[in-house]
Every structure is written in structure tokens, then in C-alpha cells.
Amino acid sequence: MRLYGRMVADGEWRDYAIDHMKDRAVFSVFRRASEMPLYRIEKNPKFTRRQGAYSVVAAGGVVLKRGHDLTQVIKVLEKKRHLRVVGG
């Protein structure tokens, strides 16, 4: 939630949703509530022993990072935060 708070304060994220499905839990973040989520942070116990239960998935469905430790997995979003286009 700390990362979410910083991204909201920066104006990059505006809304979120939490979904509890039969096989996983998903925290989605949105730029606007009417859009598709920018990122989904998923916990899927099916992958716990292999790749790790946690994953960050981009809007297009690409898995950006997967692992056993949520703190390490969401660091991929911290790196994205520092990459900004500066217009001249």
C-alpha cells in the first residue's frame, strides 16, 4: 500500500480494485477507473513451489516479474516509476 500511496500522490495511479477469485487474489491499479488496469499484482498459490506465488502483470498480459517474495516482485514497479518521458 505504501507504493500505491506514492503513485497516487505523484498522479500516476488514481484507482484500484481487489478481486478474490477461486484460484487467486488480484490487486489491480488504474490510471482512470474507466480503463483497463495498468498493472495487476497477483497471488496464485498454484505457482508457489515453482515460480513463486506473486507476479506483476502489465496491461497487455505480459508478466513483468514473478517470485516468492512480494516485496521483491513489486520492485519492478518502482523501477518503472523512475522512467519518465521528458518533453522539450
N, C-alpha and C. Protein backbone atom coordinates (compact mmCIF):
# COMPACT_ATOMS: atom_id res chain seq x y z
N MET A 1 0.82 -1.20 0.00
CA MET A 1 0.00 0.00 0.00
C MET A 1 0.86 1.26 0.00
N ARG A 2 2.08 1.15 0.50
CA ARG A 2 2.98 2.31 0.50
C ARG A 2 3.28 2.74 -0.94
N LEU A 3 3.59 1.77 -1.80
CA LEU A 3 3.86 2.07 -3.20
C LEU A 3 2.63 2.70 -3.85
N TYR A 4 1.46 2.15 -3.58
CA TYR A 4 0.22 2.70 -4.15
C TYR A 4 0.04 4.15 -3.72
N GLY A 5 0.25 4.44 -2.45
CA GLY A 5 0.12 5.81 -1.95
C GLY A 5 1.06 6.79 -2.64
N ARG A 6 2.30 6.36 -2.86
CA ARG A 6 3.27 7.23 -3.55
C ARG A 6 2.86 7.48 -5.00
N MET A 7 2.39 6.44 -5.67
CA MET A 7 2.00 6.58 -7.07
C MET A 7 0.75 7.48 -7.20
N VAL A 8 -0.17 7.39 -6.27
CA VAL A 8 -1.34 8.27 -6.27
C VAL A 8 -0.89 9.71 -6.02
N ALA A 9 -0.01 9.90 -5.06
CA ALA A 9 0.50 11.25 -4.76
C ALA A 9 1.20 11.86 -5.98
N ASP A 10 1.87 11.04 -6.77
CA ASP A 10 2.55 11.51 -7.98
C ASP A 10 1.58 11.72 -9.14
N GLY A 11 0.33 11.29 -8.98
CA GLY A 11 -0.67 11.45 -10.03
C GLY A 11 -0.61 10.39 -11.10
N GLU A 12 0.16 9.32 -10.89
CA GLU A 12 0.28 8.27 -11.90
C GLU A 12 -0.83 7.24 -11.81
N TRP A 13 -1.27 6.93 -10.61
CA TRP A 13 -2.36 5.98 -10.39
C TRP A 13 -3.51 6.72 -9.73
N ARG A 14 -4.73 6.32 -10.05
CA ARG A 14 -5.89 7.01 -9.49
C ARG A 14 -6.89 6.09 -8.80
N ASP A 15 -6.90 4.82 -9.15
CA ASP A 15 -7.90 3.92 -8.61
C ASP A 15 -7.33 2.52 -8.49
N TYR A 16 -8.01 1.68 -7.72
CA TYR A 16 -7.59 0.30 -7.58
C TYR A 16 -8.79 -0.61 -7.42
N ALA A 17 -8.56 -1.89 -7.59
CA ALA A 17 -9.61 -2.89 -7.37
C ALA A 17 -8.95 -4.12 -6.76
N ILE A 18 -9.68 -4.79 -5.88
CA ILE A 18 -9.21 -6.04 -5.29
C ILE A 18 -10.21 -7.11 -5.66
N ASP A 19 -9.72 -8.17 -6.28
CA ASP A 19 -10.58 -9.28 -6.69
C ASP A 19 -10.10 -10.57 -6.03
N HIS A 20 -11.05 -11.30 -5.48
CA HIS A 20 -10.76 -12.60 -4.88
C HIS A 20 -11.44 -13.66 -5.73
N MET A 21 -10.65 -14.31 -6.55
CA MET A 21 -11.18 -15.36 -7.41
C MET A 21 -10.99 -16.71 -6.75
N LYS A 22 -11.51 -17.72 -7.36
CA LYS A 22 -11.42 -19.07 -6.80
C LYS A 22 -9.97 -19.52 -6.65
N ASP A 23 -9.14 -19.19 -7.64
CA ASP A 23 -7.77 -19.70 -7.65
C ASP A 23 -6.69 -18.66 -7.35
N ARG A 24 -7.04 -17.38 -7.19
CA ARG A 24 -6.04 -16.35 -6.94
C ARG A 24 -6.66 -15.07 -6.42
N ALA A 25 -5.81 -14.19 -5.92
CA ALA A 25 -6.21 -12.85 -5.48
C ALA A 25 -5.48 -11.84 -6.37
N VAL A 26 -6.18 -10.77 -6.75
CA VAL A 26 -5.61 -9.79 -7.68
C VAL A 26 -5.84 -8.38 -7.15
N PHE A 27 -4.76 -7.59 -7.14
CA PHE A 27 -4.83 -6.16 -6.82
C PHE A 27 -4.50 -5.44 -8.12
N SER A 28 -5.47 -4.71 -8.68
CA SER A 28 -5.29 -4.01 -9.95
C SER A 28 -5.20 -2.51 -9.70
N VAL A 29 -4.32 -1.84 -10.46
CA VAL A 29 -4.20 -0.39 -10.35
C VAL A 29 -4.55 0.25 -11.69
N PHE A 30 -5.21 1.39 -11.62
CA PHE A 30 -5.72 2.07 -12.80
C PHE A 30 -5.25 3.51 -12.84
N ARG A 31 -5.07 4.02 -14.04
CA ARG A 31 -4.84 5.45 -14.22
C ARG A 31 -6.17 6.18 -14.11
N ARG A 32 -7.21 5.59 -14.70
CA ARG A 32 -8.59 6.08 -14.59
C ARG A 32 -9.49 4.89 -14.35
N ALA A 33 -10.55 5.10 -13.60
CA ALA A 33 -11.44 3.99 -13.24
C ALA A 33 -12.10 3.34 -14.45
N SER A 34 -12.26 4.08 -15.53
CA SER A 34 -12.95 3.56 -16.70
C SER A 34 -12.05 2.76 -17.63
N GLU A 35 -10.77 2.69 -17.34
CA GLU A 35 -9.82 2.00 -18.22
C GLU A 35 -9.51 0.59 -17.73
N MET A 36 -8.74 -0.11 -18.56
CA MET A 36 -8.19 -1.40 -18.13
C MET A 36 -7.09 -1.12 -17.12
N PRO A 37 -6.80 -2.07 -16.24
CA PRO A 37 -5.74 -1.82 -15.26
C PRO A 37 -4.37 -1.65 -15.91
N LEU A 38 -3.57 -0.74 -15.36
CA LEU A 38 -2.19 -0.57 -15.82
C LEU A 38 -1.37 -1.80 -15.43
N TYR A 39 -1.55 -2.23 -14.19
CA TYR A 39 -0.82 -3.38 -13.66
C TYR A 39 -1.75 -4.21 -12.78
N ARG A 40 -1.47 -5.50 -12.74
CA ARG A 40 -2.15 -6.39 -11.80
C ARG A 40 -1.08 -7.07 -10.96
N ILE A 41 -1.27 -7.04 -9.66
CA ILE A 41 -0.38 -7.76 -8.74
C ILE A 41 -1.19 -8.97 -8.29
N GLU A 42 -0.72 -10.15 -8.66
CA GLU A 42 -1.49 -11.36 -8.42
C GLU A 42 -0.79 -12.29 -7.44
N LYS A 43 -1.61 -12.98 -6.66
CA LYS A 43 -1.11 -14.06 -5.81
C LYS A 43 -1.84 -15.32 -6.24
N ASN A 44 -1.09 -16.26 -6.78
CA ASN A 44 -1.65 -17.51 -7.26
C ASN A 44 -0.92 -18.66 -6.57
N PRO A 45 -1.54 -19.27 -5.56
CA PRO A 45 -0.88 -20.33 -4.80
C PRO A 45 -0.45 -21.53 -5.65
N LYS A 46 -1.04 -21.69 -6.82
CA LYS A 46 -0.67 -22.80 -7.70
C LYS A 46 0.81 -22.73 -8.10
N PHE A 47 1.38 -21.54 -8.17
CA PHE A 47 2.76 -21.37 -8.60
C PHE A 47 3.76 -21.25 -7.44
N THR A 48 3.32 -21.44 -6.21
CA THR A 48 4.17 -21.22 -5.04
C THR A 48 5.47 -22.01 -5.10
N ARG A 49 5.42 -23.27 -5.40
CA ARG A 49 6.64 -24.09 -5.39
C ARG A 49 7.52 -23.90 -6.61
N ARG A 50 6.94 -23.50 -7.72
CA ARG A 50 7.73 -23.37 -8.94
C ARG A 50 8.30 -21.97 -9.10
N GLN A 51 7.49 -21.04 -9.55
CA GLN A 51 7.97 -19.70 -9.90
C GLN A 51 7.73 -18.68 -8.81
N GLY A 52 6.96 -19.02 -7.83
CA GLY A 52 6.58 -18.08 -6.78
C GLY A 52 5.14 -17.67 -6.95
N ALA A 53 4.47 -17.46 -5.85
CA ALA A 53 3.03 -17.17 -5.87
C ALA A 53 2.71 -15.78 -6.39
N TYR A 54 3.66 -14.84 -6.31
CA TYR A 54 3.38 -13.44 -6.65
C TYR A 54 3.86 -13.10 -8.05
N SER A 55 3.09 -12.26 -8.75
CA SER A 55 3.51 -11.79 -10.06
C SER A 55 2.94 -10.40 -10.31
N VAL A 56 3.65 -9.64 -11.14
CA VAL A 56 3.19 -8.34 -11.61
C VAL A 56 2.96 -8.49 -13.11
N VAL A 57 1.73 -8.17 -13.53
CA VAL A 57 1.33 -8.35 -14.92
C VAL A 57 0.98 -6.98 -15.50
N ALA A 58 1.54 -6.66 -16.66
CA ALA A 58 1.26 -5.39 -17.33
C ALA A 58 -0.09 -5.45 -18.04
N ALA A 59 -0.54 -4.31 -18.54
CA ALA A 59 -1.86 -4.19 -19.17
C ALA A 59 -2.05 -5.17 -20.32
N GLY A 60 -1.02 -5.45 -21.08
CA GLY A 60 -1.12 -6.35 -22.22
C GLY A 60 -1.06 -7.82 -21.85
N GLY A 61 -0.90 -8.13 -20.57
CA GLY A 61 -0.84 -9.51 -20.14
C GLY A 61 0.57 -10.06 -19.96
N VAL A 62 1.57 -9.23 -20.21
CA VAL A 62 2.97 -9.65 -20.06
C VAL A 62 3.33 -9.69 -18.58
N VAL A 63 3.90 -10.81 -18.14
CA VAL A 63 4.36 -10.93 -16.76
C VAL A 63 5.70 -10.20 -16.65
N LEU A 64 5.74 -9.13 -15.85
CA LEU A 64 6.95 -8.34 -15.70
C LEU A 64 7.92 -8.96 -14.70
N LYS A 65 7.37 -9.56 -13.65
CA LYS A 65 8.22 -10.16 -12.61
C LYS A 65 7.39 -11.18 -11.86
N ARG A 66 8.05 -12.25 -11.44
CA ARG A 66 7.39 -13.31 -10.68
C ARG A 66 8.36 -13.76 -9.60
N GLY A 67 7.82 -14.12 -8.43
CA GLY A 67 8.71 -14.57 -7.37
C GLY A 67 7.98 -15.00 -6.12
N HIS A 68 8.78 -15.37 -5.11
CA HIS A 68 8.25 -15.87 -3.84
C HIS A 68 8.03 -14.76 -2.82
N ASP A 69 8.68 -13.60 -3.01
CA ASP A 69 8.62 -12.51 -2.04
C ASP A 69 7.93 -11.29 -2.67
N LEU A 70 6.79 -10.91 -2.15
CA LEU A 70 6.02 -9.80 -2.71
C LEU A 70 6.83 -8.51 -2.76
N THR A 71 7.60 -8.23 -1.73
CA THR A 71 8.40 -7.01 -1.69
C THR A 71 9.37 -6.95 -2.86
N GLN A 72 10.00 -8.05 -3.18
CA GLN A 72 10.94 -8.09 -4.30
C GLN A 72 10.22 -7.99 -5.64
N VAL A 73 9.07 -8.62 -5.74
CA VAL A 73 8.33 -8.64 -7.00
C VAL A 73 7.83 -7.25 -7.38
N ILE A 74 7.31 -6.50 -6.42
CA ILE A 74 6.78 -5.17 -6.77
C ILE A 74 7.85 -4.12 -7.00
N LYS A 75 9.11 -4.47 -6.75
CA LYS A 75 10.19 -3.53 -7.05
C LYS A 75 10.25 -3.21 -8.54
N VAL A 76 9.73 -4.08 -9.38
CA VAL A 76 9.69 -3.80 -10.81
C VAL A 76 8.84 -2.56 -11.09
N LEU A 77 7.85 -2.30 -10.26
CA LEU A 77 7.03 -1.09 -10.42
C LEU A 77 7.77 0.15 -9.95
N GLU A 78 8.64 0.00 -8.97
CA GLU A 78 9.46 1.13 -8.52
C GLU A 78 10.38 1.58 -9.66
N LYS A 79 10.96 0.62 -10.38
CA LYS A 79 11.84 0.95 -11.49
C LYS A 79 11.08 1.65 -12.59
N LYS A 80 9.85 1.21 -12.86
CA LYS A 80 9.02 1.84 -13.89
C LYS A 80 8.71 3.28 -13.50
N ARG A 81 8.62 3.54 -12.23
CA ARG A 81 8.29 4.87 -11.72
C ARG A 81 9.37 5.89 -12.09
N HIS A 82 10.61 5.48 -12.15
CA HIS A 82 11.71 6.39 -12.42
C HIS A 82 11.91 6.64 -13.92
N LEU A 83 11.25 5.84 -14.76
CA LEU A 83 11.37 6.03 -16.20
C LEU A 83 10.25 6.92 -16.69
N ARG A 84 10.57 8.15 -17.00
CA ARG A 84 9.56 9.10 -17.48
C ARG A 84 10.06 9.78 -18.75
N VAL A 85 9.14 10.10 -19.62
CA VAL A 85 9.48 10.81 -20.85
C VAL A 85 9.41 12.30 -20.54
N VAL A 86 10.48 12.99 -20.90
CA VAL A 86 10.54 14.43 -20.66
C VAL A 86 10.46 15.12 -22.01
N GLY A 87 9.42 15.94 -22.17
CA GLY A 87 9.22 16.67 -23.45
C GLY A 87 10.01 17.96 -23.46
N GLY A 88 10.41 18.36 -24.63
CA GLY A 88 11.22 19.57 -24.72
C GLY A 88 10.64 20.65 -25.51
